[in-house]
PDB file of N, CA and C in Angstrom:
ATOM      1  N   MET A   1     365.978  23.762 216.704  1.00  0.00           N
ATOM      2  CA  MET A   1     366.903  24.696 216.084  1.00  0.00           C
ATOM      3  C   MET A   1     367.306  24.163 214.710  1.00  0.00           C
ATOM      4  N   THR A   2     367.351  25.049 213.747  1.00  0.00           N
ATOM      5  CA  THR A   2     367.710  24.682 212.381  1.00  0.00           C
ATOM      6  C   THR A   2     369.210  24.474 212.272  1.00  0.00           C
ATOM      7  N   ARG A   3     369.583  23.416 211.584  1.00  0.00           N
ATOM      8  CA  ARG A   3     371.003  23.173 211.334  1.00  0.00           C
ATOM      9  C   ARG A   3     371.424  24.031 210.148  1.00  0.00           C
ATOM     10  N   ARG A   4     372.404  24.878 210.365  1.00  0.00           N
ATOM     11  CA  ARG A   4     372.855  25.799 209.325  1.00  0.00           C
ATOM     12  C   ARG A   4     374.094  25.259 208.630  1.00  0.00           C
ATOM     13  N   GLN A   5     374.199  25.596 207.350  1.00  0.00           N
ATOM     14  CA  GLN A   5     375.372  25.205 206.576  1.00  0.00           C
ATOM     15  C   GLN A   5     376.558  26.052 207.001  1.00  0.00           C
ATOM     16  N   ARG A   6     377.749  25.534 206.725  1.00  0.00           N
ATOM     17  CA  ARG A   6     378.978  26.276 206.980  1.00  0.00           C
ATOM     18  C   ARG A   6     379.871  26.190 205.758  1.00  0.00           C
ATOM     19  N   CYS A   7     380.592  27.258 205.528  1.00  0.00           N
ATOM     20  CA  CYS A   7     381.619  27.309 204.484  1.00  0.00           C
ATOM     21  C   CYS A   7     382.912  27.724 205.153  1.00  0.00           C
ATOM     22  N   TYR A   8     384.014  27.447 204.503  1.00  0.00           N
ATOM     23  CA  TYR A   8     385.279  27.915 205.058  1.00  0.00           C
ATOM     24  C   TYR A   8     386.126  28.542 203.969  1.00  0.00           C
ATOM     25  N   LEU A   9     386.972  29.459 204.401  1.00  0.00           N
ATOM     26  CA  LEU A   9     387.922  30.135 203.529  1.00  0.00           C
ATOM     27  C   LEU A   9     389.305  29.912 204.124  1.00  0.00           C
ATOM     28  N   ASP A  10     390.182  29.255 203.368  1.00  0.00           N
ATOM     29  CA  ASP A  10     391.563  29.083 203.806  1.00  0.00           C
ATOM     30  C   ASP A  10     392.347  30.333 203.450  1.00  0.00           C
ATOM     31  N   ILE A  11     393.117  30.836 204.399  1.00  0.00           N
ATOM     32  CA  ILE A  11     393.900  32.051 204.214  1.00  0.00           C
ATOM     33  C   ILE A  11     395.367  31.669 204.085  1.00  0.00           C
ATOM     34  N   SER A  12     395.983  32.088 202.982  1.00  0.00           N
ATOM     35  CA  SER A  12     397.395  31.799 202.727  1.00  0.00           C
ATOM     36  C   SER A  12     398.150  33.095 202.516  1.00  0.00           C
ATOM     37  N   ILE A  13     399.404  33.075 202.915  1.00  0.00           N
ATOM     38  CA  ILE A  13     400.336  34.148 202.588  1.00  0.00           C
ATOM     39  C   ILE A  13     401.454  33.477 201.818  1.00  0.00           C
ATOM     40  N   GLY A  14     401.579  33.860 200.548  1.00  0.00           N
ATOM     41  CA  GLY A  14     402.496  33.125 199.679  1.00  0.00           C
ATOM     42  C   GLY A  14     401.949  31.722 199.497  1.00  0.00           C
ATOM     43  N   GLU A  15     402.761  30.741 199.760  1.00  0.00           N
ATOM     44  CA  GLU A  15     402.341  29.338 199.664  1.00  0.00           C
ATOM     45  C   GLU A  15     402.017  28.740 201.025  1.00  0.00           C
ATOM     46  N   GLU A  16     402.102  29.540 202.086  1.00  0.00           N
ATOM     47  CA  GLU A  16     401.928  29.007 203.432  1.00  0.00           C
ATOM     48  C   GLU A  16     400.513  29.258 203.953  1.00  0.00           C
ATOM     49  N   LEU A  17     399.853  28.183 204.372  1.00  0.00           N
ATOM     50  CA  LEU A  17     398.517  28.286 204.951  1.00  0.00           C
ATOM     51  C   LEU A  17     398.625  28.932 206.326  1.00  0.00           C
ATOM     52  N   GLU A  18     397.904  30.028 206.518  1.00  0.00           N
ATOM     53  CA  GLU A  18     397.968  30.769 207.779  1.00  0.00           C
ATOM     54  C   GLU A  18     396.780  30.488 208.685  1.00  0.00           C
ATOM     55  N   GLY A  19     395.662  30.086 208.116  1.00  0.00           N
ATOM     56  CA  GLY A  19     394.497  29.821 208.949  1.00  0.00           C
ATOM     57  C   GLY A  19     393.257  29.576 208.116  1.00  0.00           C
ATOM     58  N   ARG A  20     392.167  29.374 208.809  1.00  0.00           N
ATOM     59  CA  ARG A  20     390.888  29.087 208.164  1.00  0.00           C
ATOM     60  C   ARG A  20     389.800  29.900 208.850  1.00  0.00           C
ATOM     61  N   ILE A  21     388.956  30.532 208.045  1.00  0.00           N
ATOM     62  CA  ILE A  21     387.790  31.250 208.547  1.00  0.00           C
ATOM     63  C   ILE A  21     386.569  30.385 208.241  1.00  0.00           C
ATOM     64  N   ILE A  22     385.806  30.068 209.272  1.00  0.00           N
ATOM     65  CA  ILE A  22     384.587  29.277 209.099  1.00  0.00           C
ATOM     66  C   ILE A  22     383.398  30.229 209.212  1.00  0.00           C
ATOM     67  N   VAL A  23     382.535  30.192 208.203  1.00  0.00           N
ATOM     68  CA  VAL A  23     381.382  31.088 208.132  1.00  0.00           C
ATOM     69  C   VAL A  23     380.109  30.251 208.237  1.00  0.00           C
ATOM     70  N   GLU A  24     379.290  30.553 209.223  1.00  0.00           N
ATOM     71  CA  GLU A  24     377.996  29.885 209.350  1.00  0.00           C
ATOM     72  C   GLU A  24     376.983  30.661 208.518  1.00  0.00           C
ATOM     73  N   LEU A  25     376.272  29.959 207.658  1.00  0.00           N
ATOM     74  CA  LEU A  25     375.319  30.598 206.756  1.00  0.00           C
ATOM     75  C   LEU A  25     373.915  30.544 207.354  1.00  0.00           C
ATOM     76  N   PHE A  26     373.245  31.673 207.372  1.00  0.00           N
ATOM     77  CA  PHE A  26     371.892  31.757 207.916  1.00  0.00           C
ATOM     78  C   PHE A  26     370.887  31.432 206.810  1.00  0.00           C
ATOM     79  N   ASN A  27     370.986  30.203 206.297  1.00  0.00           N
ATOM     80  CA  ASN A  27     370.131  29.790 205.186  1.00  0.00           C
ATOM     81  C   ASN A  27     368.654  29.702 205.578  1.00  0.00           C
ATOM     82  N   ASP A  28     368.359  29.642 206.860  1.00  0.00           N
ATOM     83  CA  ASP A  28     366.965  29.645 207.305  1.00  0.00           C
ATOM     84  C   ASP A  28     366.378  31.061 207.336  1.00  0.00           C
ATOM     85  N   VAL A  29     367.226  32.081 207.361  1.00  0.00           N
ATOM     86  CA  VAL A  29     366.779  33.476 207.425  1.00  0.00           C
ATOM     87  C   VAL A  29     366.863  34.145 206.056  1.00  0.00           C
ATOM     88  N   VAL A  30     367.985  33.964 205.381  1.00  0.00           N
ATOM     89  CA  VAL A  30     368.219  34.583 204.061  1.00  0.00           C
ATOM     90  C   VAL A  30     368.709  33.505 203.088  1.00  0.00           C
ATOM     91  N   PRO A  31     367.818  32.618 202.645  1.00  0.00           N
ATOM     92  CA  PRO A  31     368.232  31.461 201.856  1.00  0.00           C
ATOM     93  C   PRO A  31     368.940  31.804 200.545  1.00  0.00           C
ATOM     94  N   LYS A  32     368.463  32.792 199.831  1.00  0.00           N
ATOM     95  CA  LYS A  32     369.081  33.122 198.540  1.00  0.00           C
ATOM     96  C   LYS A  32     370.489  33.695 198.730  1.00  0.00           C
ATOM     97  N   THR A  33     370.644  34.592 199.685  1.00  0.00           N
ATOM     98  CA  THR A  33     371.955  35.173 199.976  1.00  0.00           C
ATOM     99  C   THR A  33     372.931  34.102 200.438  1.00  0.00           C
ATOM    100  N   ALA A  34     372.475  33.216 201.320  1.00  0.00           N
ATOM    101  CA  ALA A  34     373.332  32.145 201.820  1.00  0.00           C
ATOM    102  C   ALA A  34     373.753  31.217 200.683  1.00  0.00           C
ATOM    103  N   GLU A  35     372.840  30.892 199.790  1.00  0.00           N
ATOM    104  CA  GLU A  35     373.165  30.015 198.659  1.00  0.00           C
ATOM    105  C   GLU A  35     374.146  30.696 197.710  1.00  0.00           C
ATOM    106  N   ASN A  36     373.956  31.985 197.449  1.00  0.00           N
ATOM    107  CA  ASN A  36     374.893  32.710 196.585  1.00  0.00           C
ATOM    108  C   ASN A  36     376.293  32.736 197.189  1.00  0.00           C
ATOM    109  N   PHE A  37     376.399  32.986 198.483  1.00  0.00           N
ATOM    110  CA  PHE A  37     377.704  33.012 199.136  1.00  0.00           C
ATOM    111  C   PHE A  37     378.349  31.629 199.100  1.00  0.00           C
ATOM    112  N   ARG A  38     377.557  30.584 199.371  1.00  0.00           N
ATOM    113  CA  ARG A  38     378.081  29.219 199.337  1.00  0.00           C
ATOM    114  C   ARG A  38     378.625  28.890 197.950  1.00  0.00           C
ATOM    115  N   ALA A  39     377.897  29.289 196.900  1.00  0.00           N
ATOM    116  CA  ALA A  39     378.342  29.033 195.530  1.00  0.00           C
ATOM    117  C   ALA A  39     379.636  29.783 195.216  1.00  0.00           C
ATOM    118  N   LEU A  40     379.793  30.996 195.749  1.00  0.00           N
ATOM    119  CA  LEU A  40     381.052  31.724 195.567  1.00  0.00           C
ATOM    120  C   LEU A  40     382.204  30.998 196.254  1.00  0.00           C
ATOM    121  N   CYS A  41     381.934  30.414 197.413  1.00  0.00           N
ATOM    122  CA  CYS A  41     382.985  29.691 198.142  1.00  0.00           C
ATOM    123  C   CYS A  41     383.398  28.409 197.425  1.00  0.00           C
ATOM    124  N   THR A  42     382.447  27.708 196.830  1.00  0.00           N
ATOM    125  CA  THR A  42     382.765  26.434 196.181  1.00  0.00           C
ATOM    126  C   THR A  42     383.257  26.603 194.755  1.00  0.00           C
ATOM    127  N   GLY A  43     382.917  27.722 194.125  1.00  0.00           N
ATOM    128  CA  GLY A  43     383.317  27.941 192.736  1.00  0.00           C
ATOM    129  C   GLY A  43     382.462  27.202 191.731  1.00  0.00           C
ATOM    130  N   GLU A  44     381.345  26.657 192.160  1.00  0.00           N
ATOM    131  CA  GLU A  44     380.529  25.817 191.281  1.00  0.00           C
ATOM    132  C   GLU A  44     379.827  26.577 190.163  1.00  0.00           C
ATOM    133  N   LYS A  45     379.758  27.896 190.262  1.00  0.00           N
ATOM    134  CA  LYS A  45     379.089  28.678 189.214  1.00  0.00           C
ATOM    135  C   LYS A  45     380.012  29.003 188.045  1.00  0.00           C
ATOM    136  N   GLY A  46     381.300  28.710 188.177  1.00  0.00           N
ATOM    137  CA  GLY A  46     382.232  28.878 187.063  1.00  0.00           C
ATOM    138  C   GLY A  46     382.530  30.321 186.720  1.00  0.00           C
ATOM    139  N   ILE A  47     382.364  30.657 185.440  1.00  0.00           N
ATOM    140  CA  ILE A  47     382.682  31.978 184.911  1.00  0.00           C
ATOM    141  C   ILE A  47     381.382  32.730 184.612  1.00  0.00           C
ATOM    142  N   GLY A  48     381.351  34.019 184.925  1.00  0.00           N
ATOM    143  CA  GLY A  48     380.173  34.846 184.635  1.00  0.00           C
ATOM    144  C   GLY A  48     379.910  34.898 183.142  1.00  0.00           C
ATOM    145  N   PRO A  49     378.698  34.619 182.688  1.00  0.00           N
ATOM    146  CA  PRO A  49     378.398  34.555 181.255  1.00  0.00           C
ATOM    147  C   PRO A  49     378.562  35.892 180.529  1.00  0.00           C
ATOM    148  N   ASN A  50     378.317  36.985 181.207  1.00  0.00           N
ATOM    149  CA  ASN A  50     378.412  38.302 180.565  1.00  0.00           C
ATOM    150  C   ASN A  50     379.744  38.995 180.807  1.00  0.00           C
ATOM    151  N   THR A  51     380.424  38.621 181.894  1.00  0.00           N
ATOM    152  CA  THR A  51     381.644  39.333 182.279  1.00  0.00           C
ATOM    153  C   THR A  51     382.916  38.538 182.050  1.00  0.00           C
ATOM    154  N   ALA A  52     382.799  37.217 181.908  1.00  0.00           N
ATOM    155  CA  ALA A  52     383.948  36.312 181.795  1.00  0.00           C
ATOM    156  C   ALA A  52     384.850  36.381 183.028  1.00  0.00           C
ATOM    157  N   VAL A  53     384.285  36.779 184.161  1.00  0.00           N
ATOM    158  CA  VAL A  53     385.015  36.866 185.424  1.00  0.00           C
ATOM    159  C   VAL A  53     384.687  35.618 186.247  1.00  0.00           C
ATOM    160  N   PRO A  54     385.698  34.991 186.880  1.00  0.00           N
ATOM    161  CA  PRO A  54     385.427  33.825 187.726  1.00  0.00           C
ATOM    162  C   PRO A  54     384.475  34.182 188.872  1.00  0.00           C
ATOM    163  N   LEU A  55     383.499  33.319 189.102  1.00  0.00           N
ATOM    164  CA  LEU A  55     382.528  33.530 190.171  1.00  0.00           C
ATOM    165  C   LEU A  55     382.924  32.709 191.391  1.00  0.00           C
ATOM    166  N   HIS A  56     384.097  33.004 191.918  1.00  0.00           N
ATOM    167  CA  HIS A  56     384.588  32.321 193.114  1.00  0.00           C
ATOM    168  C   HIS A  56     385.719  33.120 193.723  1.00  0.00           C
ATOM    169  N   TYR A  57     386.056  32.759 194.952  1.00  0.00           N
ATOM    170  CA  TYR A  57     387.200  33.358 195.632  1.00  0.00           C
ATOM    171  C   TYR A  57     388.403  32.491 195.359  1.00  0.00           C
ATOM    172  N   LYS A  58     389.546  33.108 195.207  1.00  0.00           N
ATOM    173  CA  LYS A  58     390.768  32.351 194.935  1.00  0.00           C
ATOM    174  C   LYS A  58     391.628  32.292 196.155  1.00  0.00           C
TER     175      LYS A  58
END
């Protein structure tokens, strides 16, 4: 069985952490989609070159 990557999203209301969503990425099935989602979670892609919009979740 292939070991799949995981990402997490912390959920806050105001300043209080309410929980964490853990997402298993099917990088063995849809590698490009999984990599794009992982990059959105980490924020490593920075700002969109044409849109000046942050490429991450806040």
